[in-house]
Amino acid sequence: MPVNLKHARCPLCKAPTVREFRPFCSQGCRDRDLIGWINEDYAIPARSTDADELQKSSDYGVDSEGR
């Protein structure tokens, strides 16, 4: 269900959003979020793979003679 933009809140400080900086409330919150990504404070979750899957992916494109 879409969020009503009139009632949308900043994901960092929960203040009402401002159209110019949406989805944030200000330049400051927008910059804080960008800095968080640059500093690798955020991570996108991923499933870990087992050793067999890693071996298969590392062998991709390599023939039996190692070319």
PDB file of N, CA and C in Angstrom:
ATOM      1  N   MET A   1       0.849  -1.174   0.000  1.00  0.00           N
ATOM      2  CA  MET A   1       0.000   0.000   0.000  1.00  0.00           C
ATOM      3  C   MET A   1       0.897   1.240   0.000  1.00  0.00           C
ATOM      4  N   PRO A   2       0.659   2.197  -0.880  1.00  0.00           N
ATOM      5  CA  PRO A   2       1.482   3.398  -0.935  1.00  0.00           C
ATOM      6  C   PRO A   2       1.337   4.241   0.334  1.00  0.00           C
ATOM      7  N   VAL A   3       2.434   4.893   0.692  1.00  0.00           N
ATOM      8  CA  VAL A   3       2.431   5.772   1.857  1.00  0.00           C
ATOM      9  C   VAL A   3       1.869   7.121   1.444  1.00  0.00           C
ATOM     10  N   ASN A   4       1.014   7.691   2.270  1.00  0.00           N
ATOM     11  CA  ASN A   4       0.487   9.021   2.016  1.00  0.00           C
ATOM     12  C   ASN A   4       1.630  10.009   2.234  1.00  0.00           C
ATOM     13  N   LEU A   5       2.096  10.674   1.183  1.00  0.00           N
ATOM     14  CA  LEU A   5       3.261  11.543   1.280  1.00  0.00           C
ATOM     15  C   LEU A   5       3.035  12.733   2.200  1.00  0.00           C
ATOM     16  N   LYS A   6       1.791  13.110   2.432  1.00  0.00           N
ATOM     17  CA  LYS A   6       1.516  14.207   3.360  1.00  0.00           C
ATOM     18  C   LYS A   6       1.885  13.821   4.785  1.00  0.00           C
ATOM     19  N   HIS A   7       1.889  12.518   5.070  1.00  0.00           N
ATOM     20  CA  HIS A   7       2.171  12.049   6.423  1.00  0.00           C
ATOM     21  C   HIS A   7       3.474  11.261   6.499  1.00  0.00           C
ATOM     22  N   ALA A   8       4.276  11.298   5.439  1.00  0.00           N
ATOM     23  CA  ALA A   8       5.538  10.556   5.424  1.00  0.00           C
ATOM     24  C   ALA A   8       6.507  11.158   6.434  1.00  0.00           C
ATOM     25  N   ARG A   9       7.313  10.291   7.033  1.00  0.00           N
ATOM     26  CA  ARG A   9       8.278  10.710   8.053  1.00  0.00           C
ATOM     27  C   ARG A   9       9.697  10.399   7.594  1.00  0.00           C
ATOM     28  N   CYS A  10      10.623  11.214   8.030  1.00  0.00           N
ATOM     29  CA  CYS A  10      12.043  11.023   7.738  1.00  0.00           C
ATOM     30  C   CYS A  10      12.496   9.704   8.358  1.00  0.00           C
ATOM     31  N   PRO A  11      13.195   8.857   7.612  1.00  0.00           N
ATOM     32  CA  PRO A  11      13.634   7.573   8.167  1.00  0.00           C
ATOM     33  C   PRO A  11      14.698   7.717   9.259  1.00  0.00           C
ATOM     34  N   LEU A  12      15.351   8.863   9.345  1.00  0.00           N
ATOM     35  CA  LEU A  12      16.393   9.046  10.357  1.00  0.00           C
ATOM     36  C   LEU A  12      15.865   9.667  11.642  1.00  0.00           C
ATOM     37  N   CYS A  13      15.142  10.776  11.536  1.00  0.00           N
ATOM     38  CA  CYS A  13      14.721  11.488  12.747  1.00  0.00           C
ATOM     39  C   CYS A  13      13.214  11.478  12.978  1.00  0.00           C
ATOM     40  N   LYS A  14      12.469  10.936  12.033  1.00  0.00           N
ATOM     41  CA  LYS A  14      11.006  10.799  12.108  1.00  0.00           C
ATOM     42  C   LYS A  14      10.248  12.122  12.005  1.00  0.00           C
ATOM     43  N   ALA A  15      10.917  13.198  11.631  1.00  0.00           N
ATOM     44  CA  ALA A  15      10.236  14.476  11.401  1.00  0.00           C
ATOM     45  C   ALA A  15       9.470  14.389  10.082  1.00  0.00           C
ATOM     46  N   PRO A  16       8.472  15.242   9.873  1.00  0.00           N
ATOM     47  CA  PRO A  16       7.759  15.240   8.587  1.00  0.00           C
ATOM     48  C   PRO A  16       8.727  15.531   7.436  1.00  0.00           C
ATOM     49  N   THR A  17       8.508  14.873   6.319  1.00  0.00           N
ATOM     50  CA  THR A  17       9.396  15.073   5.171  1.00  0.00           C
ATOM     51  C   THR A  17       9.109  16.395   4.480  1.00  0.00           C
ATOM     52  N   VAL A  18      10.112  16.867   3.756  1.00  0.00           N
ATOM     53  CA  VAL A  18       9.998  18.078   2.953  1.00  0.00           C
ATOM     54  C   VAL A  18      10.186  17.649   1.507  1.00  0.00           C
ATOM     55  N   ARG A  19       9.329  18.117   0.636  1.00  0.00           N
ATOM     56  CA  ARG A  19       9.339  17.685  -0.765  1.00  0.00           C
ATOM     57  C   ARG A  19      10.737  17.750  -1.385  1.00  0.00           C
ATOM     58  N   GLU A  20      11.453  18.813  -1.145  1.00  0.00           N
ATOM     59  CA  GLU A  20      12.771  19.014  -1.745  1.00  0.00           C
ATOM     60  C   GLU A  20      13.774  17.927  -1.343  1.00  0.00           C
ATOM     61  N   PHE A  21      13.641  17.366  -0.143  1.00  0.00           N
ATOM     62  CA  PHE A  21      14.612  16.403   0.370  1.00  0.00           C
ATOM     63  C   PHE A  21      14.041  15.002   0.540  1.00  0.00           C
ATOM     64  N   ARG A  22      12.824  14.777   0.083  1.00  0.00           N
ATOM     65  CA  ARG A  22      12.146  13.499   0.278  1.00  0.00           C
ATOM     66  C   ARG A  22      13.012  12.336  -0.157  1.00  0.00           C
ATOM     67  N   PRO A  23      13.127  11.298   0.609  1.00  0.00           N
ATOM     68  CA  PRO A  23      12.299  10.904   1.750  1.00  0.00           C
ATOM     69  C   PRO A  23      12.777  11.465   3.086  1.00  0.00           C
ATOM     70  N   PHE A  24      13.694  12.421   3.058  1.00  0.00           N
ATOM     71  CA  PHE A  24      14.212  12.989   4.295  1.00  0.00           C
ATOM     72  C   PHE A  24      13.529  14.316   4.597  1.00  0.00           C
ATOM     73  N   CYS A  25      13.819  14.848   5.790  1.00  0.00           N
ATOM     74  CA  CYS A  25      13.198  16.104   6.208  1.00  0.00           C
ATOM     75  C   CYS A  25      14.076  17.307   5.903  1.00  0.00           C
ATOM     76  N   SER A  26      15.372  17.078   5.685  1.00  0.00           N
ATOM     77  CA  SER A  26      16.300  18.191   5.507  1.00  0.00           C
ATOM     78  C   SER A  26      17.559  17.728   4.778  1.00  0.00           C
ATOM     79  N   GLN A  27      18.351  18.712   4.382  1.00  0.00           N
ATOM     80  CA  GLN A  27      19.654  18.432   3.773  1.00  0.00           C
ATOM     81  C   GLN A  27      20.537  17.684   4.765  1.00  0.00           C
ATOM     82  N   GLY A  28      20.449  18.040   6.034  1.00  0.00           N
ATOM     83  CA  GLY A  28      21.264  17.390   7.060  1.00  0.00           C
ATOM     84  C   GLY A  28      20.991  15.897   7.163  1.00  0.00           C
ATOM     85  N   CYS A  29      19.720  15.511   7.216  1.00  0.00           N
ATOM     86  CA  CYS A  29      19.383  14.082   7.291  1.00  0.00           C
ATOM     87  C   CYS A  29      19.764  13.368   6.001  1.00  0.00           C
ATOM     88  N   ARG A  30      19.587  14.024   4.877  1.00  0.00           N
ATOM     89  CA  ARG A  30      19.970  13.419   3.602  1.00  0.00           C
ATOM     90  C   ARG A  30      21.480  13.167   3.575  1.00  0.00           C
ATOM     91  N   ASP A  31      22.254  14.147   4.041  1.00  0.00           N
ATOM     92  CA  ASP A  31      23.711  13.993   4.076  1.00  0.00           C
ATOM     93  C   ASP A  31      24.142  12.930   5.083  1.00  0.00           C
ATOM     94  N   ARG A  32      23.494  12.867   6.245  1.00  0.00           N
ATOM     95  CA  ARG A  32      23.821  11.836   7.240  1.00  0.00           C
ATOM     96  C   ARG A  32      23.616  10.449   6.656  1.00  0.00           C
ATOM     97  N   ASP A  33      22.535  10.272   5.906  1.00  0.00           N
ATOM     98  CA  ASP A  33      22.265   8.978   5.283  1.00  0.00           C
ATOM     99  C   ASP A  33      23.340   8.641   4.249  1.00  0.00           C
ATOM    100  N   LEU A  34      23.705   9.598   3.416  1.00  0.00           N
ATOM    101  CA  LEU A  34      24.745   9.379   2.409  1.00  0.00           C
ATOM    102  C   LEU A  34      26.072   9.019   3.077  1.00  0.00           C
ATOM    103  N   ILE A  35      26.425   9.729   4.129  1.00  0.00           N
ATOM    104  CA  ILE A  35      27.668   9.442   4.853  1.00  0.00           C
ATOM    105  C   ILE A  35      27.625   8.036   5.435  1.00  0.00           C
ATOM    106  N   GLY A  36      26.459   7.615   5.917  1.00  0.00           N
ATOM    107  CA  GLY A  36      26.317   6.252   6.431  1.00  0.00           C
ATOM    108  C   GLY A  36      26.621   5.214   5.368  1.00  0.00           C
ATOM    109  N   TRP A  37      26.140   5.429   4.141  1.00  0.00           N
ATOM    110  CA  TRP A  37      26.436   4.493   3.050  1.00  0.00           C
ATOM    111  C   TRP A  37      27.917   4.535   2.688  1.00  0.00           C
ATOM    112  N   ILE A  38      28.493   5.736   2.633  1.00  0.00           N
ATOM    113  CA  ILE A  38      29.913   5.866   2.288  1.00  0.00           C
ATOM    114  C   ILE A  38      30.792   5.168   3.322  1.00  0.00           C
ATOM    115  N   ASN A  39      30.429   5.292   4.603  1.00  0.00           N
ATOM    116  CA  ASN A  39      31.202   4.664   5.685  1.00  0.00           C
ATOM    117  C   ASN A  39      30.877   3.183   5.868  1.00  0.00           C
ATOM    118  N   GLU A  40      30.009   2.650   5.010  1.00  0.00           N
ATOM    119  CA  GLU A  40      29.582   1.251   5.073  1.00  0.00           C
ATOM    120  C   GLU A  40      28.911   0.902   6.401  1.00  0.00           C
ATOM    121  N   ASP A  41      28.157   1.881   6.958  1.00  0.00           N
ATOM    122  CA  ASP A  41      27.376   1.626   8.169  1.00  0.00           C
ATOM    123  C   ASP A  41      26.154   0.773   7.859  1.00  0.00           C
ATOM    124  N   TYR A  42      25.728   0.768   6.606  1.00  0.00           N
ATOM    125  CA  TYR A  42      24.570  -0.011   6.182  1.00  0.00           C
ATOM    126  C   TYR A  42      25.054  -1.217   5.391  1.00  0.00           C
ATOM    127  N   ALA A  43      24.265  -2.260   5.413  1.00  0.00           N
ATOM    128  CA  ALA A  43      24.587  -3.449   4.627  1.00  0.00           C
ATOM    129  C   ALA A  43      23.296  -4.050   4.103  1.00  0.00           C
ATOM    130  N   ILE A  44      23.344  -4.558   2.911  1.00  0.00           N
ATOM    131  CA  ILE A  44      22.197  -5.244   2.330  1.00  0.00           C
ATOM    132  C   ILE A  44      22.333  -6.712   2.707  1.00  0.00           C
ATOM    133  N   PRO A  45      21.338  -7.276   3.392  1.00  0.00           N
ATOM    134  CA  PRO A  45      21.459  -8.664   3.842  1.00  0.00           C
ATOM    135  C   PRO A  45      21.555  -9.637   2.670  1.00  0.00           C
ATOM    136  N   ALA A  46      22.371 -10.647   2.861  1.00  0.00           N
ATOM    137  CA  ALA A  46      22.536 -11.684   1.845  1.00  0.00           C
ATOM    138  C   ALA A  46      22.749 -13.015   2.539  1.00  0.00           C
ATOM    139  N   ARG A  47      22.338 -14.072   1.874  1.00  0.00           N
ATOM    140  CA  ARG A  47      22.566 -15.411   2.428  1.00  0.00           C
ATOM    141  C   ARG A  47      24.005 -15.807   2.165  1.00  0.00           C
ATOM    142  N   SER A  48      24.628 -16.436   3.142  1.00  0.00           N
ATOM    143  CA  SER A  48      25.987 -16.922   2.925  1.00  0.00           C
ATOM    144  C   SER A  48      25.925 -18.206   2.104  1.00  0.00           C
ATOM    145  N   THR A  49      26.983 -18.449   1.355  1.00  0.00           N
ATOM    146  CA  THR A  49      27.042 -19.647   0.522  1.00  0.00           C
ATOM    147  C   THR A  49      28.050 -20.616   1.107  1.00  0.00           C
ATOM    148  N   ASP A  50      27.878 -21.878   0.796  1.00  0.00           N
ATOM    149  CA  ASP A  50      28.832 -22.862   1.311  1.00  0.00           C
ATOM    150  C   ASP A  50      30.048 -22.950   0.384  1.00  0.00           C
ATOM    151  N   ALA A  51      31.056 -23.681   0.808  1.00  0.00           N
ATOM    152  CA  ALA A  51      32.323 -23.761   0.070  1.00  0.00           C
ATOM    153  C   ALA A  51      32.142 -24.322  -1.339  1.00  0.00           C
ATOM    154  N   ASP A  52      31.226 -25.293  -1.517  1.00  0.00           N
ATOM    155  CA  ASP A  52      31.016 -25.865  -2.850  1.00  0.00           C
ATOM    156  C   ASP A  52      30.518 -24.813  -3.830  1.00  0.00           C
ATOM    157  N   GLU A  53      29.591 -23.989  -3.399  1.00  0.00           N
ATOM    158  CA  GLU A  53      29.075 -22.953  -4.280  1.00  0.00           C
ATOM    159  C   GLU A  53      30.162 -21.945  -4.621  1.00  0.00           C
ATOM    160  N   LEU A  54      30.998 -21.607  -3.659  1.00  0.00           N
ATOM    161  CA  LEU A  54      32.092 -20.676  -3.926  1.00  0.00           C
ATOM    162  C   LEU A  54      33.076 -21.270  -4.921  1.00  0.00           C
ATOM    163  N   GLN A  55      33.365 -22.564  -4.789  1.00  0.00           N
ATOM    164  CA  GLN A  55      34.288 -23.221  -5.717  1.00  0.00           C
ATOM    165  C   GLN A  55      33.711 -23.221  -7.128  1.00  0.00           C
ATOM    166  N   LYS A  56      32.415 -23.512  -7.257  1.00  0.00           N
ATOM    167  CA  LYS A  56      31.782 -23.524  -8.575  1.00  0.00           C
ATOM    168  C   LYS A  56      31.869 -22.145  -9.222  1.00  0.00           C
ATOM    169  N   SER A  57      31.595 -21.108  -8.459  1.00  0.00           N
ATOM    170  CA  SER A  57      31.600 -19.774  -9.040  1.00  0.00           C
ATOM    171  C   SER A  57      33.009 -19.321  -9.391  1.00  0.00           C
ATOM    172  N   SER A  58      34.019 -19.775  -8.639  1.00  0.00           N
ATOM    173  CA  SER A  58      35.388 -19.374  -8.961  1.00  0.00           C
ATOM    174  C   SER A  58      35.914 -20.119 -10.183  1.00  0.00           C
ATOM    175  N   ASP A  59      35.346 -21.283 -10.505  1.00  0.00           N
ATOM    176  CA  ASP A  59      35.765 -22.055 -11.670  1.00  0.00           C
ATOM    177  C   ASP A  59      35.053 -21.615 -12.948  1.00  0.00           C
ATOM    178  N   TYR A  60      34.092 -20.741 -12.854  1.00  0.00           N
ATOM    179  CA  TYR A  60      33.309 -20.333 -14.010  1.00  0.00           C
ATOM    180  C   TYR A  60      34.224 -19.762 -15.090  1.00  0.00           C
ATOM    181  N   GLY A  61      34.133 -20.310 -16.264  1.00  0.00           N
ATOM    182  CA  GLY A  61      34.890 -19.819 -17.403  1.00  0.00           C
ATOM    183  C   GLY A  61      36.297 -20.367 -17.509  1.00  0.00           C
ATOM    184  N   VAL A  62      36.664 -21.294 -16.641  1.00  0.00           N
ATOM    185  CA  VAL A  62      38.006 -21.878 -16.673  1.00  0.00           C
ATOM    186  C   VAL A  62      37.884 -23.307 -17.169  1.00  0.00           C
ATOM    187  N   ASP A  63      38.660 -23.657 -18.205  1.00  0.00           N
ATOM    188  CA  ASP A  63      38.602 -25.031 -18.704  1.00  0.00           C
ATOM    189  C   ASP A  63      39.535 -25.932 -17.889  1.00  0.00           C
ATOM    190  N   SER A  64      39.612 -27.204 -18.252  1.00  0.00           N
ATOM    191  CA  SER A  64      40.395 -28.173 -17.484  1.00  0.00           C
ATOM    192  C   SER A  64      41.891 -27.874 -17.497  1.00  0.00           C
ATOM    193  N   GLU A  65      42.350 -27.078 -18.451  1.00  0.00           N
ATOM    194  CA  GLU A  65      43.768 -26.725 -18.514  1.00  0.00           C
ATOM    195  C   GLU A  65      44.053 -25.392 -17.825  1.00  0.00           C
ATOM    196  N   GLY A  66      43.059 -24.832 -17.172  1.00  0.00           N
ATOM    197  CA  GLY A  66      43.258 -23.590 -16.437  1.00  0.00           C
ATOM    198  C   GLY A  66      43.222 -22.326 -17.278  1.00  0.00           C
ATOM    199  N   ARG A  67      42.639 -22.428 -18.485  1.00  0.00           N
ATOM    200  CA  ARG A  67      42.552 -21.250 -19.347  1.00  0.00           C
ATOM    201  C   ARG A  67      41.185 -20.645 -19.276  1.00  0.00           C
TER     202      ARG A  67
END
